[in-house]
Amino acid sequence: MKKLLTIFPICMLLVILFTACGGQTSTGSNGQGNDSGERVIKHAMGETKVSAHPQRVVVLDTGELDDAIALGVTPVGAVSALKDSGYMSYLQDKTKNIVNVGTISQPNLEKIASLNPDLILSSKMRHESIYDKLSQIAPTVFSVETGAPWKENFMLYANALNKVAEANALMQQYNQKIDTLKSKLGDNLSKTHVSIVRVLPDRVRLYMHQTFIGSILDDAGLPRPTSQDAQKKFAEEVSYENISSMDGDVIFLCNYGDSKAKLQELTNQPQWQKLQAVKNGKVFQVSDDLWMLGIGVGAATKVVDELTTDLTK
């Protein structure tokens, strides 16, 4: 009994010292944290408390999927662009165990909840109408929009995932590849007008500056044809009568979804055959998954690699 009375105060002292030493808070890059290790992330919908190291992440757009995987985080759930379309082909080997939770336009809230996520990532543009419902399932962080501001979105998601150092390294790699592209093109850089043509099942679009691919071309300093040089425009639909507006020194051509018939129809047009890029063998068909749907740092880096290869042939 005397031994117990002697040991008890010592144990209590150790508990007090342990508690004092272990009471540090974890903070995010915006400098806000609390005793539970949560961080406060500022985003398009306000502020959200996020755990120090999210482990069960659900992503509701293609850019968020690309960014998470690039940062070494495999989401437990993700949406696909279209029903039964699967995830982007260039990520195929890294998405095998990710549960599909619907499409971008129709996320399945029940499936999302069943995964017990501790973080949900998306954008206000895509899912503002269900933000409150998502927030009831798990802490939810939204960027403002998708597309051209992919770099800002990437850094926001990296902050939410507590992967800012990794994100900075990936952005440095991207910028180095941009510099390599510029260096290899040299004097030809300012002379290479790049046209971006996307074929959809029911229409054809020209992609301009306010797009994911447009921002990459801007980073590289690659000029655009006059028809695609609207600085504040996303895209413009064109008819076969205006095929001449698709021309450039180089054309990058991609097709989305079930659009193979439309693509064949376009390239069979007599006006298409008259384009200078077609005559010069400077039309490159590229992956829509990568060039249009990727919208993240992983896709952007791969696109720069392809630009470098194709433009220096």
C-alpha atoms as a PDB file:
ATOM      1  CA  MET A   1       0.000   0.000   0.000  1.00  0.00           C
ATOM      2  CA  LYS A   2       2.881   2.366   0.817  1.00  0.00           C
ATOM      3  CA  LYS A   3       4.452   1.566  -2.579  1.00  0.00           C
ATOM      4  CA  LEU A   4       1.193   2.418  -4.368  1.00  0.00           C
ATOM      5  CA  LEU A   5       0.935   5.735  -2.528  1.00  0.00           C
ATOM      6  CA  THR A   6       4.485   6.544  -3.599  1.00  0.00           C
ATOM      7  CA  ILE A   7       4.006   5.596  -7.276  1.00  0.00           C
ATOM      8  CA  PHE A   8       0.661   7.399  -7.752  1.00  0.00           C
ATOM      9  CA  PRO A   9       1.980  11.013  -7.555  1.00  0.00           C
ATOM     10  CA  ILE A  10       4.822  10.103  -9.922  1.00  0.00           C
ATOM     11  CA  CYS A  11       2.349   8.703 -12.500  1.00  0.00           C
ATOM     12  CA  MET A  12       0.193  11.776 -12.232  1.00  0.00           C
ATOM     13  CA  LEU A  13       3.225  13.990 -12.832  1.00  0.00           C
ATOM     14  CA  LEU A  14       4.164  12.001 -15.930  1.00  0.00           C
ATOM     15  CA  VAL A  15       0.631  12.344 -17.317  1.00  0.00           C
ATOM     16  CA  ILE A  16       0.735  16.116 -16.798  1.00  0.00           C
ATOM     17  CA  LEU A  17       4.154  16.397 -18.488  1.00  0.00           C
ATOM     18  CA  PHE A  18       3.071  14.166 -21.413  1.00  0.00           C
ATOM     19  CA  THR A  19      -0.082  16.242 -21.950  1.00  0.00           C
ATOM     20  CA  ALA A  20       1.896  19.478 -21.903  1.00  0.00           C
ATOM     21  CA  CYS A  21       4.415  18.186 -24.447  1.00  0.00           C
ATOM     22  CA  GLY A  22       1.765  16.700 -26.730  1.00  0.00           C
ATOM     23  CA  GLY A  23      -0.527  19.706 -26.902  1.00  0.00           C
ATOM     24  CA  GLN A  24       0.914  21.246 -30.091  1.00  0.00           C
ATOM     25  CA  THR A  25      -1.443  22.143 -32.919  1.00  0.00           C
ATOM     26  CA  SER A  26      -1.146  21.247 -36.571  1.00  0.00           C
ATOM     27  CA  THR A  27      -1.594  24.114 -39.008  1.00  0.00           C
ATOM     28  CA  GLY A  28      -2.082  24.321 -42.755  1.00  0.00           C
ATOM     29  CA  SER A  29      -0.242  26.661 -45.109  1.00  0.00           C
ATOM     30  CA  ASN A  30      -2.819  29.344 -44.283  1.00  0.00           C
ATOM     31  CA  GLY A  31      -1.603  29.140 -40.694  1.00  0.00           C
ATOM     32  CA  GLN A  32      -4.798  28.064 -38.965  1.00  0.00           C
ATOM     33  CA  GLY A  33      -5.109  24.956 -36.820  1.00  0.00           C
ATOM     34  CA  ASN A  34      -6.493  23.649 -33.527  1.00  0.00           C
ATOM     35  CA  ASP A  35      -5.768  21.152 -30.783  1.00  0.00           C
ATOM     36  CA  SER A  36      -7.314  18.223 -32.672  1.00  0.00           C
ATOM     37  CA  GLY A  37      -4.860  18.585 -35.547  1.00  0.00           C
ATOM     38  CA  GLU A  38      -7.498  20.033 -37.865  1.00  0.00           C
ATOM     39  CA  ARG A  39      -6.643  22.832 -40.295  1.00  0.00           C
ATOM     40  CA  VAL A  40      -8.942  25.562 -41.577  1.00  0.00           C
ATOM     41  CA  ILE A  41      -8.952  25.763 -45.378  1.00  0.00           C
ATOM     42  CA  LYS A  42     -10.290  28.865 -47.101  1.00  0.00           C
ATOM     43  CA  HIS A  43     -12.003  28.056 -50.397  1.00  0.00           C
ATOM     44  CA  ALA A  44     -14.768  29.091 -52.797  1.00  0.00           C
ATOM     45  CA  MET A  45     -17.560  28.289 -50.357  1.00  0.00           C
ATOM     46  CA  GLY A  46     -16.006  29.788 -47.229  1.00  0.00           C
ATOM     47  CA  GLU A  47     -13.879  28.024 -44.627  1.00  0.00           C
ATOM     48  CA  THR A  48     -13.764  24.336 -43.765  1.00  0.00           C
ATOM     49  CA  LYS A  49     -12.004  22.404 -41.016  1.00  0.00           C
ATOM     50  CA  VAL A  50     -10.001  19.550 -42.511  1.00  0.00           C
ATOM     51  CA  SER A  51      -8.047  16.835 -40.713  1.00  0.00           C
ATOM     52  CA  ALA A  52      -4.283  17.123 -40.609  1.00  0.00           C
ATOM     53  CA  HIS A  53      -3.781  14.210 -42.991  1.00  0.00           C
ATOM     54  CA  PRO A  54      -6.929  13.170 -44.906  1.00  0.00           C
ATOM     55  CA  GLN A  55      -6.916   9.438 -45.618  1.00  0.00           C
ATOM     56  CA  ARG A  56     -10.257   8.801 -47.340  1.00  0.00           C
ATOM     57  CA  VAL A  57     -10.660  11.338 -50.113  1.00  0.00           C
ATOM     58  CA  VAL A  58     -13.494  11.535 -52.644  1.00  0.00           C
ATOM     59  CA  VAL A  59     -13.036  13.630 -55.801  1.00  0.00           C
ATOM     60  CA  LEU A  60     -15.902  14.849 -57.959  1.00  0.00           C
ATOM     61  CA  ASP A  61     -14.160  16.006 -61.135  1.00  0.00           C
ATOM     62  CA  THR A  62     -11.345  14.887 -63.400  1.00  0.00           C
ATOM     63  CA  GLY A  63      -8.893  17.624 -62.392  1.00  0.00           C
ATOM     64  CA  GLU A  64      -9.218  16.723 -58.736  1.00  0.00           C
ATOM     65  CA  LEU A  65      -8.550  13.068 -59.582  1.00  0.00           C
ATOM     66  CA  ASP A  66      -5.439  13.990 -61.565  1.00  0.00           C
ATOM     67  CA  ASP A  67      -4.135  16.311 -58.834  1.00  0.00           C
ATOM     68  CA  ALA A  68      -4.715  13.869 -55.976  1.00  0.00           C
ATOM     69  CA  ILE A  69      -2.920  11.039 -57.755  1.00  0.00           C
ATOM     70  CA  ALA A  70      -0.046  13.343 -58.749  1.00  0.00           C
ATOM     71  CA  LEU A  71       0.340  14.188 -55.045  1.00  0.00           C
ATOM     72  CA  GLY A  72       0.510  10.514 -54.115  1.00  0.00           C
ATOM     73  CA  VAL A  73      -3.058  10.275 -52.795  1.00  0.00           C
ATOM     74  CA  THR A  74      -5.313   7.563 -54.213  1.00  0.00           C
ATOM     75  CA  PRO A  75      -8.943   8.613 -53.644  1.00  0.00           C
ATOM     76  CA  VAL A  76     -11.349   6.050 -52.228  1.00  0.00           C
ATOM     77  CA  GLY A  77     -14.032   7.360 -54.594  1.00  0.00           C
ATOM     78  CA  ALA A  78     -14.255   9.382 -57.793  1.00  0.00           C
ATOM     79  CA  VAL A  79     -16.702  10.300 -60.533  1.00  0.00           C
ATOM     80  CA  SER A  80     -16.262   9.609 -64.237  1.00  0.00           C
ATOM     81  CA  ALA A  81     -16.900  12.127 -67.012  1.00  0.00           C
ATOM     82  CA  LEU A  82     -19.642  10.003 -68.565  1.00  0.00           C
ATOM     83  CA  LYS A  83     -21.647   7.002 -67.394  1.00  0.00           C
ATOM     84  CA  ASP A  84     -19.627   3.801 -67.798  1.00  0.00           C
ATOM     85  CA  SER A  85     -16.735   5.732 -69.365  1.00  0.00           C
ATOM     86  CA  GLY A  86     -14.282   4.853 -66.621  1.00  0.00           C
ATOM     87  CA  TYR A  87     -11.461   7.125 -65.504  1.00  0.00           C
ATOM     88  CA  MET A  88      -8.964   8.884 -67.737  1.00  0.00           C
ATOM     89  CA  SER A  89      -6.969   6.369 -69.756  1.00  0.00           C
ATOM     90  CA  TYR A  90      -3.558   7.836 -68.865  1.00  0.00           C
ATOM     91  CA  LEU A  91      -4.270   7.107 -65.167  1.00  0.00           C
ATOM     92  CA  GLN A  92      -5.593   3.601 -65.742  1.00  0.00           C
ATOM     93  CA  ASP A  93      -2.915   1.769 -63.765  1.00  0.00           C
ATOM     94  CA  LYS A  94      -3.464   4.052 -60.746  1.00  0.00           C
ATOM     95  CA  THR A  95      -7.267   3.948 -60.521  1.00  0.00           C
ATOM     96  CA  LYS A  96      -8.026   0.221 -60.283  1.00  0.00           C
ATOM     97  CA  ASN A  97      -9.234   0.294 -56.669  1.00  0.00           C
ATOM     98  CA  ILE A  98     -11.125   3.588 -56.776  1.00  0.00           C
ATOM     99  CA  VAL A  99     -14.888   3.211 -56.288  1.00  0.00           C
ATOM    100  CA  ASN A 100     -17.009   4.985 -58.896  1.00  0.00           C
ATOM    101  CA  VAL A 101     -19.495   7.372 -57.269  1.00  0.00           C
ATOM    102  CA  GLY A 102     -21.405   8.500 -60.364  1.00  0.00           C
ATOM    103  CA  THR A 103     -20.650  11.060 -63.030  1.00  0.00           C
ATOM    104  CA  ILE A 104     -19.522  14.679 -62.849  1.00  0.00           C
ATOM    105  CA  SER A 105     -23.064  15.824 -63.582  1.00  0.00           C
ATOM    106  CA  GLN A 106     -24.702  13.321 -61.201  1.00  0.00           C
ATOM    107  CA  PRO A 107     -22.619  12.300 -58.184  1.00  0.00           C
ATOM    108  CA  ASN A 108     -24.240   9.570 -56.110  1.00  0.00           C
ATOM    109  CA  LEU A 109     -24.502  10.956 -52.576  1.00  0.00           C
ATOM    110  CA  GLU A 110     -25.366   7.597 -51.027  1.00  0.00           C
ATOM    111  CA  LYS A 111     -22.287   5.969 -52.529  1.00  0.00           C
ATOM    112  CA  ILE A 112     -20.125   8.858 -51.388  1.00  0.00           C
ATOM    113  CA  ALA A 113     -21.460   8.592 -47.835  1.00  0.00           C
ATOM    114  CA  SER A 114     -20.936   4.802 -47.802  1.00  0.00           C
ATOM    115  CA  LEU A 115     -17.206   5.343 -48.286  1.00  0.00           C
ATOM    116  CA  ASN A 116     -16.914   7.332 -45.023  1.00  0.00           C
ATOM    117  CA  PRO A 117     -14.712  10.027 -46.597  1.00  0.00           C
ATOM    118  CA  ASP A 118     -12.787  12.513 -44.502  1.00  0.00           C
ATOM    119  CA  LEU A 119     -12.430  15.007 -47.396  1.00  0.00           C
ATOM    120  CA  ILE A 120     -14.375  15.798 -50.574  1.00  0.00           C
ATOM    121  CA  LEU A 121     -12.876  17.898 -53.381  1.00  0.00           C
ATOM    122  CA  SER A 122     -14.728  19.605 -56.235  1.00  0.00           C
ATOM    123  CA  SER A 123     -15.593  23.064 -57.602  1.00  0.00           C
ATOM    124  CA  LYS A 124     -18.332  25.614 -57.106  1.00  0.00           C
ATOM    125  CA  MET A 125     -18.951  25.662 -60.835  1.00  0.00           C
ATOM    126  CA  ARG A 126     -19.719  21.942 -60.875  1.00  0.00           C
ATOM    127  CA  HIS A 127     -21.473  21.238 -57.597  1.00  0.00           C
ATOM    128  CA  GLU A 128     -22.526  24.389 -55.772  1.00  0.00           C
ATOM    129  CA  SER A 129     -26.125  23.105 -55.593  1.00  0.00           C
ATOM    130  CA  ILE A 130     -25.124  20.047 -53.506  1.00  0.00           C
ATOM    131  CA  TYR A 131     -22.373  21.630 -51.407  1.00  0.00           C
ATOM    132  CA  ASP A 132     -24.477  21.607 -48.224  1.00  0.00           C
ATOM    133  CA  LYS A 133     -25.335  17.927 -48.667  1.00  0.00           C
ATOM    134  CA  LEU A 134     -21.706  17.040 -49.342  1.00  0.00           C
ATOM    135  CA  SER A 135     -20.605  19.006 -46.284  1.00  0.00           C
ATOM    136  CA  GLN A 136     -22.912  16.919 -44.125  1.00  0.00           C
ATOM    137  CA  ILE A 137     -21.071  13.818 -45.323  1.00  0.00           C
ATOM    138  CA  ALA A 138     -17.503  15.111 -44.885  1.00  0.00           C
ATOM    139  CA  PRO A 139     -15.411  18.287 -44.902  1.00  0.00           C
ATOM    140  CA  THR A 140     -15.745  19.644 -48.434  1.00  0.00           C
ATOM    141  CA  VAL A 141     -13.383  21.999 -50.251  1.00  0.00           C
ATOM    142  CA  PHE A 142     -14.337  23.699 -53.531  1.00  0.00           C
ATOM    143  CA  SER A 143     -12.327  25.677 -56.041  1.00  0.00           C
ATOM    144  CA  VAL A 144     -14.213  28.407 -57.899  1.00  0.00           C
ATOM    145  CA  GLU A 145     -14.177  26.779 -61.320  1.00  0.00           C
ATOM    146  CA  THR A 146     -12.390  24.188 -63.398  1.00  0.00           C
ATOM    147  CA  GLY A 147     -10.243  24.658 -66.508  1.00  0.00           C
ATOM    148  CA  ALA A 148      -7.897  27.616 -66.947  1.00  0.00           C
ATOM    149  CA  PRO A 149      -7.172  28.243 -63.222  1.00  0.00           C
ATOM    150  CA  TRP A 150      -5.857  24.691 -62.825  1.00  0.00           C
ATOM    151  CA  LYS A 151      -2.692  25.871 -61.052  1.00  0.00           C
ATOM    152  CA  GLU A 152      -4.608  27.770 -58.364  1.00  0.00           C
ATOM    153  CA  ASN A 153      -6.950  24.800 -57.970  1.00  0.00           C
ATOM    154  CA  PHE A 154      -4.001  22.431 -57.628  1.00  0.00           C
ATOM    155  CA  MET A 155      -2.465  24.469 -54.828  1.00  0.00           C
ATOM    156  CA  LEU A 156      -5.830  24.690 -53.033  1.00  0.00           C
ATOM    157  CA  TYR A 157      -6.283  20.909 -53.164  1.00  0.00           C
ATOM    158  CA  ALA A 158      -2.657  20.392 -52.127  1.00  0.00           C
ATOM    159  CA  ASN A 159      -3.294  22.572 -49.082  1.00  0.00           C
ATOM    160  CA  ALA A 160      -6.422  20.589 -48.207  1.00  0.00           C
ATOM    161  CA  LEU A 161      -4.429  17.353 -48.546  1.00  0.00           C
ATOM    162  CA  ASN A 162      -1.496  18.804 -46.582  1.00  0.00           C
ATOM    163  CA  LYS A 163       0.811  18.218 -49.561  1.00  0.00           C
ATOM    164  CA  VAL A 164       2.027  21.739 -50.314  1.00  0.00           C
ATOM    165  CA  ALA A 165       5.728  20.834 -50.434  1.00  0.00           C
ATOM    166  CA  GLU A 166       4.986  18.044 -52.912  1.00  0.00           C
ATOM    167  CA  ALA A 167       2.842  20.420 -54.968  1.00  0.00           C
ATOM    168  CA  ASN A 168       5.632  22.981 -55.172  1.00  0.00           C
ATOM    169  CA  ALA A 169       8.013  20.296 -56.440  1.00  0.00           C
ATOM    170  CA  LEU A 170       5.518  19.206 -59.121  1.00  0.00           C
ATOM    171  CA  MET A 171       4.982  22.797 -60.267  1.00  0.00           C
ATOM    172  CA  GLN A 172       8.741  23.261 -60.487  1.00  0.00           C
ATOM    173  CA  GLN A 173       8.928  20.161 -62.695  1.00  0.00           C
ATOM    174  CA  TYR A 174       6.154  21.526 -64.926  1.00  0.00           C
ATOM    175  CA  ASN A 175       7.899  24.895 -65.268  1.00  0.00           C
ATOM    176  CA  GLN A 176      11.196  23.207 -66.116  1.00  0.00           C
ATOM    177  CA  LYS A 177       9.498  21.286 -68.931  1.00  0.00           C
ATOM    178  CA  ILE A 178       7.976  24.525 -70.226  1.00  0.00           C
ATOM    179  CA  ASP A 179      11.470  26.058 -70.288  1.00  0.00           C
ATOM    180  CA  THR A 180      12.796  23.026 -72.159  1.00  0.00           C
ATOM    181  CA  LEU A 181      10.046  23.362 -74.778  1.00  0.00           C
ATOM    182  CA  LYS A 182      10.846  27.044 -75.284  1.00  0.00           C
ATOM    183  CA  SER A 183      14.542  26.326 -75.568  1.00  0.00           C
ATOM    184  CA  LYS A 184      14.089  23.540 -78.128  1.00  0.00           C
ATOM    185  CA  LEU A 185      11.782  25.636 -80.325  1.00  0.00           C
ATOM    186  CA  GLY A 186      14.052  28.666 -80.166  1.00  0.00           C
ATOM    187  CA  ASP A 187      13.237  31.185 -82.910  1.00  0.00           C
ATOM    188  CA  ASN A 188      10.409  28.949 -84.172  1.00  0.00           C
ATOM    189  CA  LEU A 189       8.444  29.520 -80.963  1.00  0.00           C
ATOM    190  CA  SER A 190       6.904  32.827 -82.085  1.00  0.00           C
ATOM    191  CA  LYS A 191       6.248  31.453 -85.578  1.00  0.00           C
ATOM    192  CA  THR A 192       4.298  28.355 -84.512  1.00  0.00           C
ATOM    193  CA  HIS A 193       0.604  29.210 -84.353  1.00  0.00           C
ATOM    194  CA  VAL A 194      -1.170  26.371 -82.569  1.00  0.00           C
ATOM    195  CA  SER A 195      -4.787  25.483 -83.300  1.00  0.00           C
ATOM    196  CA  ILE A 196      -6.795  23.347 -80.867  1.00  0.00           C
ATOM    197  CA  VAL A 197      -9.787  21.526 -82.363  1.00  0.00           C
ATOM    198  CA  ARG A 198     -12.099  19.331 -80.307  1.00  0.00           C
ATOM    199  CA  VAL A 199     -14.769  17.134 -81.876  1.00  0.00           C
ATOM    200  CA  LEU A 200     -17.840  16.282 -79.799  1.00  0.00           C
ATOM    201  CA  PRO A 201     -20.667  13.934 -80.837  1.00  0.00           C
ATOM    202  CA  ASP A 202     -22.827  16.810 -82.122  1.00  0.00           C
ATOM    203  CA  ARG A 203     -20.450  19.728 -82.753  1.00  0.00           C
ATOM    204  CA  VAL A 204     -16.901  20.940 -83.296  1.00  0.00           C
ATOM    205  CA  ARG A 205     -15.149  23.475 -81.056  1.00  0.00           C
ATOM    206  CA  LEU A 206     -12.095  25.696 -81.196  1.00  0.00           C
ATOM    207  CA  TYR A 207     -10.445  26.120 -77.798  1.00  0.00           C
ATOM    208  CA  MET A 208      -9.113  29.525 -76.811  1.00  0.00           C
ATOM    209  CA  HIS A 209      -7.081  31.087 -73.994  1.00  0.00           C
ATOM    210  CA  GLN A 210      -9.493  30.581 -71.071  1.00  0.00           C
ATOM    211  CA  THR A 211      -9.107  26.810 -71.073  1.00  0.00           C
ATOM    212  CA  PHE A 212      -6.772  24.247 -69.540  1.00  0.00           C
ATOM    213  CA  ILE A 213      -4.905  23.697 -72.805  1.00  0.00           C
ATOM    214  CA  GLY A 214      -5.021  27.420 -73.600  1.00  0.00           C
ATOM    215  CA  SER A 215      -3.220  28.224 -70.349  1.00  0.00           C
ATOM    216  CA  ILE A 216      -0.476  25.696 -71.137  1.00  0.00           C
ATOM    217  CA  LEU A 217       0.081  27.200 -74.591  1.00  0.00           C
ATOM    218  CA  ASP A 218       0.218  30.651 -72.979  1.00  0.00           C
ATOM    219  CA  ASP A 219       2.833  29.430 -70.492  1.00  0.00           C
ATOM    220  CA  ALA A 220       4.918  28.169 -73.394  1.00  0.00           C
ATOM    221  CA  GLY A 221       4.521  31.435 -75.302  1.00  0.00           C
ATOM    222  CA  LEU A 222       3.009  29.659 -78.298  1.00  0.00           C
ATOM    223  CA  PRO A 223       0.864  32.021 -80.409  1.00  0.00           C
ATOM    224  CA  ARG A 224      -2.637  31.167 -81.563  1.00  0.00           C
ATOM    225  CA  PRO A 225      -4.336  31.660 -84.945  1.00  0.00           C
ATOM    226  CA  THR A 226      -6.391  34.858 -85.142  1.00  0.00           C
ATOM    227  CA  SER A 227      -9.604  32.798 -84.979  1.00  0.00           C
ATOM    228  CA  GLN A 228      -8.585  31.427 -81.555  1.00  0.00           C
ATOM    229  CA  ASP A 229      -6.877  34.449 -80.043  1.00  0.00           C
ATOM    230  CA  ALA A 230      -9.737  35.754 -77.880  1.00  0.00           C
ATOM    231  CA  GLN A 231      -8.008  36.252 -74.521  1.00  0.00           C
ATOM    232  CA  LYS A 232     -11.108  36.026 -72.344  1.00  0.00           C
ATOM    233  CA  LYS A 233     -12.981  33.357 -74.253  1.00  0.00           C
ATOM    234  CA  PHE A 234     -13.343  29.653 -73.486  1.00  0.00           C
ATOM    235  CA  ALA A 235     -14.334  28.102 -76.813  1.00  0.00           C
ATOM    236  CA  GLU A 236     -16.306  28.688 -79.994  1.00  0.00           C
ATOM    237  CA  GLU A 237     -18.387  26.250 -81.975  1.00  0.00           C
ATOM    238  CA  VAL A 238     -17.695  26.156 -85.714  1.00  0.00           C
ATOM    239  CA  SER A 239     -19.558  24.763 -88.701  1.00  0.00           C
ATOM    240  CA  TYR A 240     -18.070  23.038 -91.715  1.00  0.00           C
ATOM    241  CA  GLU A 241     -18.528  26.288 -93.662  1.00  0.00           C
ATOM    242  CA  ASN A 242     -15.942  27.831 -91.316  1.00  0.00           C
ATOM    243  CA  ILE A 243     -13.371  25.052 -91.391  1.00  0.00           C
ATOM    244  CA  SER A 244     -10.749  27.588 -92.494  1.00  0.00           C
ATOM    245  CA  SER A 245     -10.855  29.034 -88.950  1.00  0.00           C
ATOM    246  CA  MET A 246      -9.415  25.736 -87.684  1.00  0.00           C
ATOM    247  CA  ASP A 247      -6.140  26.238 -89.542  1.00  0.00           C
ATOM    248  CA  GLY A 248      -2.782  26.978 -87.941  1.00  0.00           C
ATOM    249  CA  ASP A 249       0.856  26.090 -88.416  1.00  0.00           C
ATOM    250  CA  VAL A 250      -0.013  23.068 -86.297  1.00  0.00           C
ATOM    251  CA  ILE A 251      -3.396  21.562 -85.417  1.00  0.00           C
ATOM    252  CA  PHE A 252      -3.928  19.409 -82.337  1.00  0.00           C
ATOM    253  CA  LEU A 253      -7.120  17.413 -82.809  1.00  0.00           C
ATOM    254  CA  CYS A 254      -9.022  15.405 -80.214  1.00  0.00           C
ATOM    255  CA  ASN A 255     -12.468  13.873 -79.876  1.00  0.00           C
ATOM    256  CA  TYR A 256     -14.698  13.420 -76.830  1.00  0.00           C
ATOM    257  CA  GLY A 257     -17.040  10.577 -76.031  1.00  0.00           C
ATOM    258  CA  ASP A 258     -18.846   8.815 -78.858  1.00  0.00           C
ATOM    259  CA  SER A 259     -17.665  11.204 -81.569  1.00  0.00           C
ATOM    260  CA  LYS A 260     -15.695   8.998 -83.970  1.00  0.00           C
ATOM    261  CA  ALA A 261     -18.346   9.386 -86.676  1.00  0.00           C
ATOM    262  CA  LYS A 262     -18.298  13.173 -86.305  1.00  0.00           C
ATOM    263  CA  LEU A 263     -14.495  13.178 -86.463  1.00  0.00           C
ATOM    264  CA  GLN A 264     -14.526  11.145 -89.654  1.00  0.00           C
ATOM    265  CA  GLU A 265     -17.156  13.462 -91.111  1.00  0.00           C
ATOM    266  CA  LEU A 266     -14.991  16.506 -90.360  1.00  0.00           C
ATOM    267  CA  THR A 267     -11.759  15.140 -91.801  1.00  0.00           C
ATOM    268  CA  ASN A 268     -13.562  13.988 -94.967  1.00  0.00           C
ATOM    269  CA  GLN A 269     -14.701  17.534 -95.771  1.00  0.00           C
ATOM    270  CA  PRO A 270     -13.009  19.013 -98.894  1.00  0.00           C
ATOM    271  CA  GLN A 271     -12.303  22.236 -96.923  1.00  0.00           C
ATOM    272  CA  TRP A 272     -10.409  20.236 -94.292  1.00  0.00           C
ATOM    273  CA  GLN A 273      -8.071  18.859 -96.946  1.00  0.00           C
ATOM    274  CA  LYS A 274      -7.238  22.432 -98.025  1.00  0.00           C
ATOM    275  CA  LEU A 275      -5.916  23.509 -94.605  1.00  0.00           C
ATOM    276  CA  GLN A 276      -2.183  24.291 -94.586  1.00  0.00           C
ATOM    277  CA  ALA A 277      -1.581  22.202 -91.480  1.00  0.00           C
ATOM    278  CA  VAL A 278      -3.223  19.224 -93.209  1.00  0.00           C
ATOM    279  CA  LYS A 279      -1.192  19.710 -96.380  1.00  0.00           C
ATOM    280  CA  ASN A 280       2.032  20.022 -94.383  1.00  0.00           C
ATOM    281  CA  GLY A 281       1.369  16.936 -92.274  1.00  0.00           C
ATOM    282  CA  LYS A 282       1.110  19.032 -89.116  1.00  0.00           C
ATOM    283  CA  VAL A 283      -2.120  17.630 -87.677  1.00  0.00           C
ATOM    284  CA  PHE A 284      -1.597  15.630 -84.500  1.00  0.00           C
ATOM    285  CA  GLN A 285      -4.445  13.622 -83.016  1.00  0.00           C
ATOM    286  CA  VAL A 286      -4.112  13.631 -79.244  1.00  0.00           C
ATOM    287  CA  SER A 287      -5.886  12.063 -76.274  1.00  0.00           C
ATOM    288  CA  ASP A 288      -9.000  13.923 -75.150  1.00  0.00           C
ATOM    289  CA  ASP A 289      -8.587  12.353 -71.714  1.00  0.00           C
ATOM    290  CA  LEU A 290      -5.208  14.020 -71.359  1.00  0.00           C
ATOM    291  CA  TRP A 291      -5.577  17.328 -73.233  1.00  0.00           C
ATOM    292  CA  MET A 292      -9.148  18.170 -72.258  1.00  0.00           C
ATOM    293  CA  LEU A 293     -10.278  16.139 -69.262  1.00  0.00           C
ATOM    294  CA  GLY A 294      -7.045  15.956 -67.256  1.00  0.00           C
ATOM    295  CA  ILE A 295      -7.122  19.564 -65.989  1.00  0.00           C
ATOM    296  CA  GLY A 296      -4.459  18.841 -63.367  1.00  0.00           C
ATOM    297  CA  VAL A 297      -0.723  19.052 -62.879  1.00  0.00           C
ATOM    298  CA  GLY A 298      -0.141  15.458 -63.985  1.00  0.00           C
ATOM    299  CA  ALA A 299      -1.974  15.971 -67.258  1.00  0.00           C
ATOM    300  CA  ALA A 300      -0.388  19.395 -67.835  1.00  0.00           C
ATOM    301  CA  THR A 301       3.114  17.973 -67.482  1.00  0.00           C
ATOM    302  CA  LYS A 302       2.354  15.150 -69.919  1.00  0.00           C
ATOM    303  CA  VAL A 303       0.818  17.609 -72.411  1.00  0.00           C
ATOM    304  CA  VAL A 304       4.033  19.666 -72.374  1.00  0.00           C
ATOM    305  CA  ASP A 305       5.995  16.481 -73.110  1.00  0.00           C
ATOM    306  CA  GLU A 306       3.754  15.788 -76.123  1.00  0.00           C
ATOM    307  CA  LEU A 307       3.992  19.389 -77.319  1.00  0.00           C
ATOM    308  CA  THR A 308       7.778  19.155 -77.149  1.00  0.00           C
ATOM    309  CA  THR A 309       7.834  15.908 -79.113  1.00  0.00           C
ATOM    310  CA  ASP A 310       5.380  16.983 -81.822  1.00  0.00           C
ATOM    311  CA  LEU A 311       6.538  20.563 -82.308  1.00  0.00           C
ATOM    312  CA  THR A 312      10.197  19.650 -82.637  1.00  0.00           C
ATOM    313  CA  LYS A 313       9.734  16.892 -85.233  1.00  0.00           C
END
